[in-house]
């Protein structure tokens, strides 16, 4: 009877252990929400103490530890352009670009650091020309957010939106998958305004205007933001994609877990059976 009980117990152990591993494999992973406002990065609303400042090499990997790096090119995508932070606070602003100021005068919350394509380009040694005097590129360009893992995009905030097709282009947002395929493109045009995709959160339009633009792309590896002319990005929100971790334990590990627990159970039964036989 003891041997029969042990056999039943071993089988139950193997089944329970395998079920436990399977549950781990398919358990959903809680997605974290991120908000990069260029003064800091917030995860689930908690500041990470990741403040950054301009350097002679520009802005690129300052938030790499949080899974995002930045780069920029001209509008044709043929030459690299530098990114810098611009202080938009109307009390301490960097200077030179009054249309990038934020504050109560324009009916906006002070944005402090915002991200711009710097108009002076790079030196031959890779340093940014005049990096201590940021000035946004009047001819615009493409700002890229490259993510270390797939993310779901939710919102981007823009400062100084004043083109609206006047150069033959609109500000646009292009999302790409991990293979570099374009998943979709969204334009910041009048339809976006009238349809509620874009929300003005300033009392002014044009210079010094501030907008939130809703994004709805899933499992994104890269976001490209095309600016036809001057302007800045004041924030980006995303969450870690639930598609990243449908299995914490790969299927082969689950199978191996079943086998291992079953094997241990069988070995235990054999030893117990031998022991019981010897004692009788």
C-alpha atoms as a PDB file:
ATOM      1  CA  UNK A   1       0.000   0.000   0.000  1.00  0.00           C
ATOM      2  CA  UNK A   2       2.869   2.371   0.822  1.00  0.00           C
ATOM      3  CA  UNK A   3       4.356   1.786  -2.629  1.00  0.00           C
ATOM      4  CA  UNK A   4       1.026   2.456  -4.292  1.00  0.00           C
ATOM      5  CA  UNK A   5       0.662   5.676  -2.345  1.00  0.00           C
ATOM      6  CA  UNK A   6       4.181   6.694  -3.330  1.00  0.00           C
ATOM      7  CA  UNK A   7       3.447   6.008  -7.002  1.00  0.00           C
ATOM      8  CA  UNK A   8       0.335   8.145  -6.846  1.00  0.00           C
ATOM      9  CA  UNK A   9       2.240  10.897  -5.078  1.00  0.00           C
ATOM     10  CA  UNK A  10       5.032  10.822  -7.668  1.00  0.00           C
ATOM     11  CA  UNK A  11       2.583  11.069 -10.525  1.00  0.00           C
ATOM     12  CA  UNK A  12       0.831  13.982  -8.854  1.00  0.00           C
ATOM     13  CA  UNK A  13       4.167  15.705  -8.291  1.00  0.00           C
ATOM     14  CA  UNK A  14       5.145  15.349 -11.938  1.00  0.00           C
ATOM     15  CA  UNK A  15       1.795  16.626 -13.160  1.00  0.00           C
ATOM     16  CA  UNK A  16       1.717  19.529 -10.705  1.00  0.00           C
ATOM     17  CA  UNK A  17       5.285  20.503 -11.501  1.00  0.00           C
ATOM     18  CA  UNK A  18       4.638  20.445 -15.213  1.00  0.00           C
ATOM     19  CA  UNK A  19       1.481  22.467 -14.759  1.00  0.00           C
ATOM     20  CA  UNK A  20       3.432  25.008 -12.705  1.00  0.00           C
ATOM     21  CA  UNK A  21       6.024  25.439 -15.454  1.00  0.00           C
ATOM     22  CA  UNK A  22       3.290  25.728 -18.054  1.00  0.00           C
ATOM     23  CA  UNK A  23       1.591  28.428 -15.991  1.00  0.00           C
ATOM     24  CA  UNK A  24       4.866  30.327 -15.797  1.00  0.00           C
ATOM     25  CA  UNK A  25       5.298  29.982 -19.533  1.00  0.00           C
ATOM     26  CA  UNK A  26       1.951  31.469 -20.447  1.00  0.00           C
ATOM     27  CA  UNK A  27       1.430  33.914 -17.587  1.00  0.00           C
ATOM     28  CA  UNK A  28       0.958  37.444 -18.936  1.00  0.00           C
ATOM     29  CA  UNK A  29       3.680  39.953 -18.085  1.00  0.00           C
ATOM     30  CA  UNK A  30       2.552  43.290 -16.684  1.00  0.00           C
ATOM     31  CA  UNK A  31       3.440  46.011 -19.189  1.00  0.00           C
ATOM     32  CA  UNK A  32       5.317  49.037 -17.852  1.00  0.00           C
ATOM     33  CA  UNK A  33       4.429  52.528 -19.057  1.00  0.00           C
ATOM     34  CA  UNK A  34       7.155  54.998 -20.008  1.00  0.00           C
ATOM     35  CA  UNK A  35       7.105  58.778 -20.397  1.00  0.00           C
ATOM     36  CA  UNK A  36      10.218  60.499 -21.710  1.00  0.00           C
ATOM     37  CA  UNK A  37       9.915  64.273 -21.304  1.00  0.00           C
ATOM     38  CA  UNK A  38      13.646  65.014 -21.859  1.00  0.00           C
ATOM     39  CA  UNK A  39      14.061  66.227 -18.289  1.00  0.00           C
ATOM     40  CA  UNK A  40      13.664  62.686 -17.005  1.00  0.00           C
ATOM     41  CA  UNK A  41      12.079  59.383 -17.892  1.00  0.00           C
ATOM     42  CA  UNK A  42       9.148  58.090 -15.856  1.00  0.00           C
ATOM     43  CA  UNK A  43       8.237  54.429 -15.478  1.00  0.00           C
ATOM     44  CA  UNK A  44       4.697  53.862 -14.244  1.00  0.00           C
ATOM     45  CA  UNK A  45       4.713  57.504 -13.154  1.00  0.00           C
ATOM     46  CA  UNK A  46       7.914  57.277 -11.106  1.00  0.00           C
ATOM     47  CA  UNK A  47      10.851  59.508 -12.092  1.00  0.00           C
ATOM     48  CA  UNK A  48      14.024  57.522 -12.711  1.00  0.00           C
ATOM     49  CA  UNK A  49      16.534  60.313 -12.071  1.00  0.00           C
ATOM     50  CA  UNK A  50      17.722  60.142 -15.663  1.00  0.00           C
ATOM     51  CA  UNK A  51      18.253  63.842 -16.336  1.00  0.00           C
ATOM     52  CA  UNK A  52      20.437  64.593 -19.358  1.00  0.00           C
ATOM     53  CA  UNK A  53      22.250  67.627 -20.676  1.00  0.00           C
ATOM     54  CA  UNK A  54      23.758  68.571 -23.995  1.00  0.00           C
ATOM     55  CA  UNK A  55      27.247  67.422 -24.821  1.00  0.00           C
ATOM     56  CA  UNK A  56      29.582  68.017 -27.734  1.00  0.00           C
ATOM     57  CA  UNK A  57      28.347  64.748 -29.252  1.00  0.00           C
ATOM     58  CA  UNK A  58      24.675  65.641 -28.974  1.00  0.00           C
ATOM     59  CA  UNK A  59      21.750  63.590 -27.712  1.00  0.00           C
ATOM     60  CA  UNK A  60      21.622  59.906 -28.634  1.00  0.00           C
ATOM     61  CA  UNK A  61      22.096  57.227 -25.983  1.00  0.00           C
ATOM     62  CA  UNK A  62      21.369  59.165 -22.792  1.00  0.00           C
ATOM     63  CA  UNK A  63      18.326  56.937 -22.112  1.00  0.00           C
ATOM     64  CA  UNK A  64      19.753  53.683 -23.472  1.00  0.00           C
ATOM     65  CA  UNK A  65      19.520  52.085 -20.018  1.00  0.00           C
ATOM     66  CA  UNK A  66      15.756  52.553 -20.272  1.00  0.00           C
ATOM     67  CA  UNK A  67      15.534  50.946 -23.694  1.00  0.00           C
ATOM     68  CA  UNK A  68      15.520  53.868 -26.132  1.00  0.00           C
ATOM     69  CA  UNK A  69      18.164  55.614 -28.236  1.00  0.00           C
ATOM     70  CA  UNK A  70      17.717  58.622 -30.537  1.00  0.00           C
ATOM     71  CA  UNK A  71      19.090  59.709 -33.889  1.00  0.00           C
ATOM     72  CA  UNK A  72      18.243  62.119 -36.709  1.00  0.00           C
ATOM     73  CA  UNK A  73      18.750  62.672 -40.428  1.00  0.00           C
ATOM     74  CA  UNK A  74      17.764  65.262 -42.987  1.00  0.00           C
ATOM     75  CA  UNK A  75      14.315  64.876 -44.565  1.00  0.00           C
ATOM     76  CA  UNK A  76      15.702  62.761 -47.407  1.00  0.00           C
ATOM     77  CA  UNK A  77      17.370  60.429 -44.933  1.00  0.00           C
ATOM     78  CA  UNK A  78      20.713  60.854 -46.686  1.00  0.00           C
ATOM     79  CA  UNK A  79      22.773  62.625 -44.025  1.00  0.00           C
ATOM     80  CA  UNK A  80      23.013  62.421 -40.271  1.00  0.00           C
ATOM     81  CA  UNK A  81      21.889  65.425 -38.214  1.00  0.00           C
ATOM     82  CA  UNK A  82      22.575  66.231 -34.544  1.00  0.00           C
ATOM     83  CA  UNK A  83      19.962  66.266 -31.823  1.00  0.00           C
ATOM     84  CA  UNK A  84      20.132  68.669 -28.885  1.00  0.00           C
ATOM     85  CA  UNK A  85      17.989  69.660 -25.936  1.00  0.00           C
ATOM     86  CA  UNK A  86      16.507  73.152 -25.922  1.00  0.00           C
ATOM     87  CA  UNK A  87      15.447  74.836 -22.689  1.00  0.00           C
ATOM     88  CA  UNK A  88      11.936  76.097 -23.452  1.00  0.00           C
ATOM     89  CA  UNK A  89      11.272  77.574 -20.001  1.00  0.00           C
ATOM     90  CA  UNK A  90      10.302  81.210 -20.600  1.00  0.00           C
ATOM     91  CA  UNK A  91      12.339  82.229 -17.537  1.00  0.00           C
ATOM     92  CA  UNK A  92      15.548  80.383 -18.419  1.00  0.00           C
ATOM     93  CA  UNK A  93      15.148  79.498 -22.111  1.00  0.00           C
ATOM     94  CA  UNK A  94      18.199  78.802 -24.203  1.00  0.00           C
ATOM     95  CA  UNK A  95      17.715  81.862 -26.416  1.00  0.00           C
ATOM     96  CA  UNK A  96      17.548  82.500 -30.132  1.00  0.00           C
ATOM     97  CA  UNK A  97      14.262  80.680 -30.728  1.00  0.00           C
ATOM     98  CA  UNK A  98      11.439  82.585 -29.079  1.00  0.00           C
ATOM     99  CA  UNK A  99       8.904  80.359 -30.823  1.00  0.00           C
ATOM    100  CA  UNK A 100      10.103  77.416 -28.714  1.00  0.00           C
ATOM    101  CA  UNK A 101       9.322  79.056 -25.391  1.00  0.00           C
ATOM    102  CA  UNK A 102       6.598  77.608 -23.183  1.00  0.00           C
ATOM    103  CA  UNK A 103       4.735  78.918 -20.161  1.00  0.00           C
ATOM    104  CA  UNK A 104       1.632  80.760 -19.016  1.00  0.00           C
ATOM    105  CA  UNK A 105       1.969  83.454 -21.678  1.00  0.00           C
ATOM    106  CA  UNK A 106       1.019  80.852 -24.276  1.00  0.00           C
ATOM    107  CA  UNK A 107      -1.336  78.909 -22.033  1.00  0.00           C
ATOM    108  CA  UNK A 108       0.956  75.929 -21.623  1.00  0.00           C
ATOM    109  CA  UNK A 109       2.677  74.163 -18.797  1.00  0.00           C
ATOM    110  CA  UNK A 110       6.400  74.916 -18.856  1.00  0.00           C
ATOM    111  CA  UNK A 111       8.027  72.156 -20.883  1.00  0.00           C
ATOM    112  CA  UNK A 112      11.656  72.790 -19.865  1.00  0.00           C
ATOM    113  CA  UNK A 113      13.882  70.586 -22.070  1.00  0.00           C
ATOM    114  CA  UNK A 114      12.534  69.732 -25.503  1.00  0.00           C
ATOM    115  CA  UNK A 115      14.222  67.802 -28.307  1.00  0.00           C
ATOM    116  CA  UNK A 116      15.295  69.554 -31.524  1.00  0.00           C
ATOM    117  CA  UNK A 117      17.304  68.859 -34.651  1.00  0.00           C
ATOM    118  CA  UNK A 118      20.208  71.289 -34.359  1.00  0.00           C
ATOM    119  CA  UNK A 119      20.754  73.386 -37.483  1.00  0.00           C
ATOM    120  CA  UNK A 120      24.564  73.658 -37.388  1.00  0.00           C
ATOM    121  CA  UNK A 121      25.374  70.015 -38.105  1.00  0.00           C
ATOM    122  CA  UNK A 122      28.459  68.003 -37.194  1.00  0.00           C
ATOM    123  CA  UNK A 123      32.151  68.735 -37.391  1.00  0.00           C
ATOM    124  CA  UNK A 124      34.385  66.314 -39.275  1.00  0.00           C
ATOM    125  CA  UNK A 125      35.488  64.787 -35.957  1.00  0.00           C
ATOM    126  CA  UNK A 126      31.905  63.901 -35.014  1.00  0.00           C
ATOM    127  CA  UNK A 127      31.357  66.720 -32.565  1.00  0.00           C
ATOM    128  CA  UNK A 128      28.294  68.957 -32.858  1.00  0.00           C
ATOM    129  CA  UNK A 129      28.969  72.459 -34.099  1.00  0.00           C
ATOM    130  CA  UNK A 130      27.960  75.140 -31.585  1.00  0.00           C
ATOM    131  CA  UNK A 131      26.436  72.528 -29.303  1.00  0.00           C
ATOM    132  CA  UNK A 132      26.275  75.038 -26.446  1.00  0.00           C
ATOM    133  CA  UNK A 133      23.904  77.239 -28.477  1.00  0.00           C
ATOM    134  CA  UNK A 134      21.016  74.967 -29.605  1.00  0.00           C
ATOM    135  CA  UNK A 135      18.954  76.210 -32.552  1.00  0.00           C
ATOM    136  CA  UNK A 136      16.274  74.173 -34.317  1.00  0.00           C
ATOM    137  CA  UNK A 137      16.709  73.295 -37.985  1.00  0.00           C
ATOM    138  CA  UNK A 138      14.408  75.439 -40.140  1.00  0.00           C
ATOM    139  CA  UNK A 139      14.442  72.791 -42.883  1.00  0.00           C
ATOM    140  CA  UNK A 140      13.315  70.067 -40.533  1.00  0.00           C
ATOM    141  CA  UNK A 141      14.360  66.446 -40.700  1.00  0.00           C
ATOM    142  CA  UNK A 142      13.584  63.012 -39.297  1.00  0.00           C
ATOM    143  CA  UNK A 143      13.947  62.164 -35.615  1.00  0.00           C
ATOM    144  CA  UNK A 144      14.128  58.431 -34.859  1.00  0.00           C
ATOM    145  CA  UNK A 145      13.352  56.673 -31.592  1.00  0.00           C
ATOM    146  CA  UNK A 146      14.934  53.225 -31.597  1.00  0.00           C
ATOM    147  CA  UNK A 147      13.647  50.770 -28.993  1.00  0.00           C
ATOM    148  CA  UNK A 148      15.615  47.892 -27.504  1.00  0.00           C
ATOM    149  CA  UNK A 149      12.443  45.807 -27.255  1.00  0.00           C
ATOM    150  CA  UNK A 150       9.071  46.033 -28.945  1.00  0.00           C
ATOM    151  CA  UNK A 151       6.818  48.743 -27.526  1.00  0.00           C
ATOM    152  CA  UNK A 152       3.274  50.013 -27.874  1.00  0.00           C
ATOM    153  CA  UNK A 153       3.159  53.734 -28.668  1.00  0.00           C
ATOM    154  CA  UNK A 154       0.448  55.894 -27.136  1.00  0.00           C
ATOM    155  CA  UNK A 155       1.243  59.634 -27.341  1.00  0.00           C
ATOM    156  CA  UNK A 156       3.735  62.206 -28.549  1.00  0.00           C
ATOM    157  CA  UNK A 157       3.791  65.896 -27.568  1.00  0.00           C
ATOM    158  CA  UNK A 158       4.942  68.592 -29.994  1.00  0.00           C
ATOM    159  CA  UNK A 159       5.970  72.200 -29.447  1.00  0.00           C
ATOM    160  CA  UNK A 160       5.807  74.949 -32.105  1.00  0.00           C
ATOM    161  CA  UNK A 161       3.647  73.325 -34.776  1.00  0.00           C
ATOM    162  CA  UNK A 162       3.344  75.954 -37.498  1.00  0.00           C
ATOM    163  CA  UNK A 163       3.706  74.293 -40.916  1.00  0.00           C
ATOM    164  CA  UNK A 164       0.494  72.314 -41.566  1.00  0.00           C
ATOM    165  CA  UNK A 165       1.408  71.477 -45.140  1.00  0.00           C
ATOM    166  CA  UNK A 166       2.796  74.873 -46.098  1.00  0.00           C
ATOM    167  CA  UNK A 167       5.998  73.176 -47.335  1.00  0.00           C
ATOM    168  CA  UNK A 168       4.125  70.441 -49.141  1.00  0.00           C
ATOM    169  CA  UNK A 169       4.491  68.074 -46.190  1.00  0.00           C
ATOM    170  CA  UNK A 170       2.894  67.532 -42.806  1.00  0.00           C
ATOM    171  CA  UNK A 171       4.515  66.363 -39.628  1.00  0.00           C
ATOM    172  CA  UNK A 172       4.205  62.598 -39.845  1.00  0.00           C
ATOM    173  CA  UNK A 173       4.809  59.582 -37.636  1.00  0.00           C
ATOM    174  CA  UNK A 174       6.025  56.301 -39.135  1.00  0.00           C
ATOM    175  CA  UNK A 175       6.200  53.083 -37.109  1.00  0.00           C
ATOM    176  CA  UNK A 176       8.451  50.150 -38.045  1.00  0.00           C
ATOM    177  CA  UNK A 177       8.603  46.548 -36.895  1.00  0.00           C
ATOM    178  CA  UNK A 178      11.713  44.666 -35.823  1.00  0.00           C
ATOM    179  CA  UNK A 179      12.471  43.711 -39.439  1.00  0.00           C
ATOM    180  CA  UNK A 180      12.418  47.329 -40.587  1.00  0.00           C
ATOM    181  CA  UNK A 181       9.043  47.082 -42.318  1.00  0.00           C
ATOM    182  CA  UNK A 182       6.813  50.140 -42.102  1.00  0.00           C
ATOM    183  CA  UNK A 183       3.715  49.277 -40.093  1.00  0.00           C
ATOM    184  CA  UNK A 184       1.887  52.523 -40.733  1.00  0.00           C
ATOM    185  CA  UNK A 185       2.168  56.265 -41.106  1.00  0.00           C
ATOM    186  CA  UNK A 186       0.037  59.012 -39.550  1.00  0.00           C
ATOM    187  CA  UNK A 187      -0.017  62.669 -40.610  1.00  0.00           C
ATOM    188  CA  UNK A 188      -0.567  65.662 -38.372  1.00  0.00           C
ATOM    189  CA  UNK A 189      -3.028  67.415 -40.678  1.00  0.00           C
ATOM    190  CA  UNK A 190      -6.393  69.117 -40.331  1.00  0.00           C
ATOM    191  CA  UNK A 191      -8.139  65.744 -40.258  1.00  0.00           C
ATOM    192  CA  UNK A 192      -6.095  64.831 -37.192  1.00  0.00           C
ATOM    193  CA  UNK A 193      -7.208  68.057 -35.532  1.00  0.00           C
ATOM    194  CA  UNK A 194     -10.870  67.731 -36.405  1.00  0.00           C
ATOM    195  CA  UNK A 195     -10.924  64.014 -35.621  1.00  0.00           C
ATOM    196  CA  UNK A 196      -9.448  64.393 -32.157  1.00  0.00           C
ATOM    197  CA  UNK A 197      -6.193  62.551 -32.833  1.00  0.00           C
ATOM    198  CA  UNK A 198      -4.349  65.811 -32.200  1.00  0.00           C
ATOM    199  CA  UNK A 199      -5.296  67.952 -29.209  1.00  0.00           C
ATOM    200  CA  UNK A 200      -4.083  71.510 -28.766  1.00  0.00           C
ATOM    201  CA  UNK A 201      -3.131  72.142 -25.140  1.00  0.00           C
ATOM    202  CA  UNK A 202      -2.079  75.756 -25.590  1.00  0.00           C
ATOM    203  CA  UNK A 203      -4.110  78.899 -26.093  1.00  0.00           C
ATOM    204  CA  UNK A 204      -2.127  79.713 -29.232  1.00  0.00           C
ATOM    205  CA  UNK A 205      -1.654  77.944 -32.548  1.00  0.00           C
ATOM    206  CA  UNK A 206       1.417  78.229 -34.745  1.00  0.00           C
ATOM    207  CA  UNK A 207       4.462  79.592 -32.919  1.00  0.00           C
ATOM    208  CA  UNK A 208       4.760  78.333 -29.319  1.00  0.00           C
ATOM    209  CA  UNK A 209       1.775  76.029 -29.750  1.00  0.00           C
ATOM    210  CA  UNK A 210       1.706  72.740 -27.875  1.00  0.00           C
ATOM    211  CA  UNK A 211      -0.137  69.612 -29.020  1.00  0.00           C
ATOM    212  CA  UNK A 212      -0.654  66.069 -27.817  1.00  0.00           C
ATOM    213  CA  UNK A 213      -0.932  63.566 -30.657  1.00  0.00           C
ATOM    214  CA  UNK A 214      -2.415  60.118 -30.016  1.00  0.00           C
ATOM    215  CA  UNK A 215      -0.462  57.196 -31.452  1.00  0.00           C
ATOM    216  CA  UNK A 216      -1.849  53.683 -31.738  1.00  0.00           C
ATOM    217  CA  UNK A 217       0.882  51.343 -32.932  1.00  0.00           C
ATOM    218  CA  UNK A 218       1.694  47.980 -31.372  1.00  0.00           C
ATOM    219  CA  UNK A 219       4.954  46.004 -31.283  1.00  0.00           C
ATOM    220  CA  UNK A 220       7.057  48.876 -32.599  1.00  0.00           C
ATOM    221  CA  UNK A 221      10.846  48.730 -32.923  1.00  0.00           C
ATOM    222  CA  UNK A 222      11.343  52.250 -34.304  1.00  0.00           C
ATOM    223  CA  UNK A 223       9.375  55.477 -34.578  1.00  0.00           C
ATOM    224  CA  UNK A 224      10.335  58.116 -37.163  1.00  0.00           C
ATOM    225  CA  UNK A 225       9.019  61.651 -36.729  1.00  0.00           C
ATOM    226  CA  UNK A 226       9.249  63.767 -39.879  1.00  0.00           C
ATOM    227  CA  UNK A 227       9.353  67.513 -39.321  1.00  0.00           C
ATOM    228  CA  UNK A 228       8.925  69.546 -42.544  1.00  0.00           C
ATOM    229  CA  UNK A 229      10.339  72.618 -40.794  1.00  0.00           C
ATOM    230  CA  UNK A 230      11.338  73.834 -37.362  1.00  0.00           C
ATOM    231  CA  UNK A 231       9.815  72.576 -34.137  1.00  0.00           C
ATOM    232  CA  UNK A 232      10.442  70.345 -31.149  1.00  0.00           C
ATOM    233  CA  UNK A 233       9.279  67.188 -29.414  1.00  0.00           C
ATOM    234  CA  UNK A 234       8.420  67.710 -25.761  1.00  0.00           C
ATOM    235  CA  UNK A 235       7.511  64.159 -24.779  1.00  0.00           C
ATOM    236  CA  UNK A 236       6.833  60.589 -25.856  1.00  0.00           C
ATOM    237  CA  UNK A 237       4.785  57.906 -24.108  1.00  0.00           C
ATOM    238  CA  UNK A 238       4.887  54.163 -24.681  1.00  0.00           C
ATOM    239  CA  UNK A 239       4.539  50.863 -22.889  1.00  0.00           C
ATOM    240  CA  UNK A 240       6.441  47.627 -23.134  1.00  0.00           C
ATOM    241  CA  UNK A 241       4.559  45.479 -25.593  1.00  0.00           C
ATOM    242  CA  UNK A 242       2.668  42.494 -24.213  1.00  0.00           C
ATOM    243  CA  UNK A 243       3.807  40.661 -27.350  1.00  0.00           C
ATOM    244  CA  UNK A 244       7.385  40.593 -26.046  1.00  0.00           C
ATOM    245  CA  UNK A 245       6.883  37.971 -23.348  1.00  0.00           C
ATOM    246  CA  UNK A 246       4.035  35.641 -24.198  1.00  0.00           C
ATOM    247  CA  UNK A 247       6.306  32.984 -22.692  1.00  0.00           C
ATOM    248  CA  UNK A 248       8.699  33.630 -19.843  1.00  0.00           C
ATOM    249  CA  UNK A 249       9.907  30.062 -20.181  1.00  0.00           C
ATOM    250  CA  UNK A 250      10.374  28.864 -23.776  1.00  0.00           C
ATOM    251  CA  UNK A 251       8.387  25.821 -24.829  1.00  0.00           C
ATOM    252  CA  UNK A 252      11.445  23.513 -24.853  1.00  0.00           C
ATOM    253  CA  UNK A 253      12.012  24.396 -21.186  1.00  0.00           C
ATOM    254  CA  UNK A 254       8.416  23.518 -20.395  1.00  0.00           C
ATOM    255  CA  UNK A 255       8.794  20.139 -22.088  1.00  0.00           C
ATOM    256  CA  UNK A 256      12.074  19.556 -20.286  1.00  0.00           C
ATOM    257  CA  UNK A 257      10.406  20.470 -17.013  1.00  0.00           C
ATOM    258  CA  UNK A 258       7.723  17.825 -17.529  1.00  0.00           C
ATOM    259  CA  UNK A 259      10.355  15.238 -18.358  1.00  0.00           C
ATOM    260  CA  UNK A 260      12.652  16.122 -15.464  1.00  0.00           C
ATOM    261  CA  UNK A 261       9.941  16.113 -12.835  1.00  0.00           C
ATOM    262  CA  UNK A 262       8.542  12.875 -14.197  1.00  0.00           C
ATOM    263  CA  UNK A 263      12.006  11.303 -14.170  1.00  0.00           C
ATOM    264  CA  UNK A 264      12.642  12.394 -10.593  1.00  0.00           C
ATOM    265  CA  UNK A 265       9.289  10.969  -9.565  1.00  0.00           C
ATOM    266  CA  UNK A 266      10.004   7.627 -11.231  1.00  0.00           C
ATOM    267  CA  UNK A 267      13.476   7.396  -9.668  1.00  0.00           C
ATOM    268  CA  UNK A 268      11.999   8.156  -6.280  1.00  0.00           C
ATOM    269  CA  UNK A 269       9.423   5.417  -6.755  1.00  0.00           C
ATOM    270  CA  UNK A 270      12.088   2.890  -7.706  1.00  0.00           C
ATOM    271  CA  UNK A 271      14.171   3.699  -4.654  1.00  0.00           C
ATOM    272  CA  UNK A 272      11.109   3.519  -2.395  1.00  0.00           C
ATOM    273  CA  UNK A 273      10.013   0.225  -3.933  1.00  0.00           C
ATOM    274  CA  UNK A 274      13.490  -1.271  -3.395  1.00  0.00           C
ATOM    275  CA  UNK A 275      13.548   0.016   0.158  1.00  0.00           C
ATOM    276  CA  UNK A 276      10.099  -1.373   0.868  1.00  0.00           C
ATOM    277  CA  UNK A 277      11.053  -4.728  -0.636  1.00  0.00           C
ATOM    278  CA  UNK A 278      14.211  -4.941   1.435  1.00  0.00           C
ATOM    279  CA  UNK A 279      12.395  -4.140   4.630  1.00  0.00           C
ATOM    280  CA  UNK A 280       9.749  -6.799   4.169  1.00  0.00           C
END
